[in-house]
């Protein structure tokens, strides 16, 4: 294998990414963490946020709505509830997704459900900012 970190991002719909990269920054439940080649093995859950994949000094950003990250001697595998490259995100659908997430937050019955729903709302709002939609007034 070429020197570097093998990463795979898998969502229920498709294999989102599979390549050898320099480093990956991931939104773990306990906070963001960075994985490079030869990282100690571990597994963690993910919170909604952004995965930043660095390859030869270039960053690619992926939105992730939760899931698991598994660091093994073979590399990093991310099993995502949902993952989309920010460049491919369906911006026309973003406002509807934010409204649905806000409704889910309002309907959340337990503190755990409220906390998770708030993370989803925050991640979608951050995605809108990343996509430049809030600045352009497309999402309210």
C-alpha atoms as a PDB file:
ATOM      1  CA  UNK A   1       0.000   0.000   0.000  1.00  0.00           C
ATOM      2  CA  UNK A   2       1.203   3.519  -0.756  1.00  0.00           C
ATOM      3  CA  UNK A   3       2.192   5.543   2.266  1.00  0.00           C
ATOM      4  CA  UNK A   4      -0.773   7.371   3.723  1.00  0.00           C
ATOM      5  CA  UNK A   5      -4.098   6.682   5.386  1.00  0.00           C
ATOM      6  CA  UNK A   6      -6.689   4.523   3.638  1.00  0.00           C
ATOM      7  CA  UNK A   7     -10.123   6.068   4.203  1.00  0.00           C
ATOM      8  CA  UNK A   8     -13.552   4.790   3.274  1.00  0.00           C
ATOM      9  CA  UNK A   9     -16.739   6.756   3.905  1.00  0.00           C
ATOM     10  CA  UNK A  10     -19.798   4.565   3.479  1.00  0.00           C
ATOM     11  CA  UNK A  11     -23.437   5.675   3.682  1.00  0.00           C
ATOM     12  CA  UNK A  12     -26.507   3.459   3.283  1.00  0.00           C
ATOM     13  CA  UNK A  13     -26.875   4.696  -0.310  1.00  0.00           C
ATOM     14  CA  UNK A  14     -23.301   4.355  -1.587  1.00  0.00           C
ATOM     15  CA  UNK A  15     -19.563   4.284  -1.090  1.00  0.00           C
ATOM     16  CA  UNK A  16     -18.940   8.033  -0.745  1.00  0.00           C
ATOM     17  CA  UNK A  17     -15.126   7.950  -0.745  1.00  0.00           C
ATOM     18  CA  UNK A  18     -12.365   5.351  -0.934  1.00  0.00           C
ATOM     19  CA  UNK A  19      -8.783   6.558  -1.287  1.00  0.00           C
ATOM     20  CA  UNK A  20      -5.380   6.990   0.371  1.00  0.00           C
ATOM     21  CA  UNK A  21      -4.994  10.434   1.965  1.00  0.00           C
ATOM     22  CA  UNK A  22      -2.688  12.415   4.249  1.00  0.00           C
ATOM     23  CA  UNK A  23      -5.112  12.995   7.145  1.00  0.00           C
ATOM     24  CA  UNK A  24      -8.799  13.096   8.063  1.00  0.00           C
ATOM     25  CA  UNK A  25     -10.520  15.285  10.667  1.00  0.00           C
ATOM     26  CA  UNK A  26     -13.735  13.758  11.982  1.00  0.00           C
ATOM     27  CA  UNK A  27     -16.586  15.016  14.239  1.00  0.00           C
ATOM     28  CA  UNK A  28     -16.471  12.476  17.053  1.00  0.00           C
ATOM     29  CA  UNK A  29     -19.113  12.497  19.769  1.00  0.00           C
ATOM     30  CA  UNK A  30     -16.503  13.781  22.246  1.00  0.00           C
ATOM     31  CA  UNK A  31     -15.126  16.368  19.795  1.00  0.00           C
ATOM     32  CA  UNK A  32     -13.246  16.601  16.524  1.00  0.00           C
ATOM     33  CA  UNK A  33     -10.213  14.331  16.088  1.00  0.00           C
ATOM     34  CA  UNK A  34      -7.614  13.901  13.349  1.00  0.00           C
ATOM     35  CA  UNK A  35      -6.405  10.553  12.041  1.00  0.00           C
ATOM     36  CA  UNK A  36      -3.151  10.040  10.128  1.00  0.00           C
ATOM     37  CA  UNK A  37      -1.343   6.926   8.929  1.00  0.00           C
ATOM     38  CA  UNK A  38      -0.357   4.547  11.768  1.00  0.00           C
ATOM     39  CA  UNK A  39      -2.948   5.910  14.213  1.00  0.00           C
ATOM     40  CA  UNK A  40      -3.745   3.760  17.247  1.00  0.00           C
ATOM     41  CA  UNK A  41      -6.883   1.630  16.668  1.00  0.00           C
ATOM     42  CA  UNK A  42     -10.160   2.772  18.206  1.00  0.00           C
ATOM     43  CA  UNK A  43     -13.865   3.097  17.461  1.00  0.00           C
ATOM     44  CA  UNK A  44     -16.186   6.001  18.234  1.00  0.00           C
ATOM     45  CA  UNK A  45     -19.576   7.370  17.369  1.00  0.00           C
ATOM     46  CA  UNK A  46     -19.942  10.484  15.236  1.00  0.00           C
ATOM     47  CA  UNK A  47     -22.046  13.562  15.745  1.00  0.00           C
ATOM     48  CA  UNK A  48     -23.458  15.603  12.860  1.00  0.00           C
ATOM     49  CA  UNK A  49     -20.753  17.798  11.368  1.00  0.00           C
ATOM     50  CA  UNK A  50     -18.011  17.937   8.768  1.00  0.00           C
ATOM     51  CA  UNK A  51     -15.309  15.465   7.787  1.00  0.00           C
ATOM     52  CA  UNK A  52     -12.243  17.182   6.313  1.00  0.00           C
ATOM     53  CA  UNK A  53     -10.095  14.929   4.133  1.00  0.00           C
ATOM     54  CA  UNK A  54      -6.615  16.277   3.390  1.00  0.00           C
ATOM     55  CA  UNK A  55      -4.741  14.828   0.461  1.00  0.00           C
ATOM     56  CA  UNK A  56      -1.455  16.436  -0.645  1.00  0.00           C
ATOM     57  CA  UNK A  57      -2.413  19.762   0.928  1.00  0.00           C
ATOM     58  CA  UNK A  58      -5.899  19.887  -0.629  1.00  0.00           C
ATOM     59  CA  UNK A  59      -9.013  19.637   1.570  1.00  0.00           C
ATOM     60  CA  UNK A  60     -12.255  17.925   0.578  1.00  0.00           C
ATOM     61  CA  UNK A  61     -15.197  18.451   2.929  1.00  0.00           C
ATOM     62  CA  UNK A  62     -18.023  15.986   3.546  1.00  0.00           C
ATOM     63  CA  UNK A  63     -21.191  16.573   5.564  1.00  0.00           C
ATOM     64  CA  UNK A  64     -21.993  13.685   7.923  1.00  0.00           C
ATOM     65  CA  UNK A  65     -25.184  13.251   9.928  1.00  0.00           C
ATOM     66  CA  UNK A  66     -23.826  10.741  12.442  1.00  0.00           C
ATOM     67  CA  UNK A  67     -22.608   7.176  12.452  1.00  0.00           C
ATOM     68  CA  UNK A  68     -19.409   5.399  13.502  1.00  0.00           C
ATOM     69  CA  UNK A  69     -15.686   5.782  12.846  1.00  0.00           C
ATOM     70  CA  UNK A  70     -13.405   2.742  13.064  1.00  0.00           C
ATOM     71  CA  UNK A  71      -9.636   3.265  13.052  1.00  0.00           C
ATOM     72  CA  UNK A  72      -7.790  -0.017  12.410  1.00  0.00           C
ATOM     73  CA  UNK A  73      -4.367  -1.028  11.087  1.00  0.00           C
ATOM     74  CA  UNK A  74      -6.007  -1.078   7.626  1.00  0.00           C
ATOM     75  CA  UNK A  75      -7.110   2.578   7.888  1.00  0.00           C
ATOM     76  CA  UNK A  76     -10.197   4.615   8.768  1.00  0.00           C
ATOM     77  CA  UNK A  77     -13.699   3.423   7.956  1.00  0.00           C
ATOM     78  CA  UNK A  78     -16.637   5.768   8.488  1.00  0.00           C
ATOM     79  CA  UNK A  79     -20.069   4.174   8.516  1.00  0.00           C
ATOM     80  CA  UNK A  80     -22.307   7.219   8.180  1.00  0.00           C
ATOM     81  CA  UNK A  81     -26.050   7.532   8.704  1.00  0.00           C
ATOM     82  CA  UNK A  82     -25.763  10.024   5.876  1.00  0.00           C
ATOM     83  CA  UNK A  83     -22.715  11.527   4.160  1.00  0.00           C
ATOM     84  CA  UNK A  84     -22.501  13.842   1.186  1.00  0.00           C
ATOM     85  CA  UNK A  85     -19.583  15.766  -0.301  1.00  0.00           C
ATOM     86  CA  UNK A  86     -20.371  19.433   0.376  1.00  0.00           C
ATOM     87  CA  UNK A  87     -19.788  20.124  -3.326  1.00  0.00           C
ATOM     88  CA  UNK A  88     -22.574  17.643  -4.249  1.00  0.00           C
ATOM     89  CA  UNK A  89     -25.102  18.678  -1.600  1.00  0.00           C
ATOM     90  CA  UNK A  90     -28.637  19.283  -2.864  1.00  0.00           C
ATOM     91  CA  UNK A  91     -28.868  22.978  -1.966  1.00  0.00           C
ATOM     92  CA  UNK A  92     -32.454  23.273  -3.223  1.00  0.00           C
ATOM     93  CA  UNK A  93     -33.502  20.775  -0.577  1.00  0.00           C
ATOM     94  CA  UNK A  94     -31.513  22.335   2.276  1.00  0.00           C
ATOM     95  CA  UNK A  95     -34.214  24.737   3.518  1.00  0.00           C
ATOM     96  CA  UNK A  96     -36.732  21.872   3.708  1.00  0.00           C
ATOM     97  CA  UNK A  97     -34.248  19.710   5.613  1.00  0.00           C
ATOM     98  CA  UNK A  98     -33.592  22.505   8.113  1.00  0.00           C
ATOM     99  CA  UNK A  99     -37.345  22.975   8.650  1.00  0.00           C
ATOM    100  CA  UNK A 100     -37.821  19.213   9.160  1.00  0.00           C
ATOM    101  CA  UNK A 101     -34.910  19.067  11.631  1.00  0.00           C
ATOM    102  CA  UNK A 102     -36.294  22.057  13.544  1.00  0.00           C
ATOM    103  CA  UNK A 103     -39.703  20.348  13.723  1.00  0.00           C
ATOM    104  CA  UNK A 104     -38.024  17.185  15.033  1.00  0.00           C
ATOM    105  CA  UNK A 105     -36.239  19.291  17.654  1.00  0.00           C
ATOM    106  CA  UNK A 106     -39.529  20.889  18.738  1.00  0.00           C
ATOM    107  CA  UNK A 107     -41.156  17.443  19.034  1.00  0.00           C
ATOM    108  CA  UNK A 108     -38.254  15.773  20.885  1.00  0.00           C
ATOM    109  CA  UNK A 109     -39.512  14.234  24.135  1.00  0.00           C
ATOM    110  CA  UNK A 110     -36.322  13.326  26.003  1.00  0.00           C
ATOM    111  CA  UNK A 111     -33.166  15.360  26.725  1.00  0.00           C
ATOM    112  CA  UNK A 112     -31.177  12.882  24.611  1.00  0.00           C
ATOM    113  CA  UNK A 113     -33.536  13.298  21.649  1.00  0.00           C
ATOM    114  CA  UNK A 114     -33.430  17.099  22.043  1.00  0.00           C
ATOM    115  CA  UNK A 115     -29.634  17.081  22.164  1.00  0.00           C
ATOM    116  CA  UNK A 116     -29.325  14.937  19.024  1.00  0.00           C
ATOM    117  CA  UNK A 117     -31.974  16.967  17.164  1.00  0.00           C
ATOM    118  CA  UNK A 118     -30.163  20.191  18.095  1.00  0.00           C
ATOM    119  CA  UNK A 119     -26.896  18.771  16.717  1.00  0.00           C
ATOM    120  CA  UNK A 120     -28.639  17.927  13.429  1.00  0.00           C
ATOM    121  CA  UNK A 121     -30.155  21.433  13.190  1.00  0.00           C
ATOM    122  CA  UNK A 122     -26.779  23.023  13.960  1.00  0.00           C
ATOM    123  CA  UNK A 123     -24.957  20.834  11.421  1.00  0.00           C
ATOM    124  CA  UNK A 124     -27.494  21.665   8.689  1.00  0.00           C
ATOM    125  CA  UNK A 125     -27.256  25.392   9.481  1.00  0.00           C
ATOM    126  CA  UNK A 126     -23.452  25.120   9.328  1.00  0.00           C
ATOM    127  CA  UNK A 127     -23.795  23.333   5.988  1.00  0.00           C
ATOM    128  CA  UNK A 128     -25.966  26.212   4.731  1.00  0.00           C
ATOM    129  CA  UNK A 129     -23.260  28.659   5.807  1.00  0.00           C
ATOM    130  CA  UNK A 130     -20.573  26.493   4.176  1.00  0.00           C
ATOM    131  CA  UNK A 131     -22.628  26.433   0.990  1.00  0.00           C
ATOM    132  CA  UNK A 132     -23.038  30.215   1.155  1.00  0.00           C
ATOM    133  CA  UNK A 133     -26.822  30.055   1.248  1.00  0.00           C
ATOM    134  CA  UNK A 134     -27.389  31.970   4.479  1.00  0.00           C
ATOM    135  CA  UNK A 135     -25.249  34.821   3.216  1.00  0.00           C
ATOM    136  CA  UNK A 136     -27.275  34.956   0.014  1.00  0.00           C
ATOM    137  CA  UNK A 137     -30.583  34.952   1.852  1.00  0.00           C
ATOM    138  CA  UNK A 138     -31.834  31.644   0.401  1.00  0.00           C
ATOM    139  CA  UNK A 139     -32.341  29.964   3.761  1.00  0.00           C
ATOM    140  CA  UNK A 140     -34.220  31.626   6.628  1.00  0.00           C
END
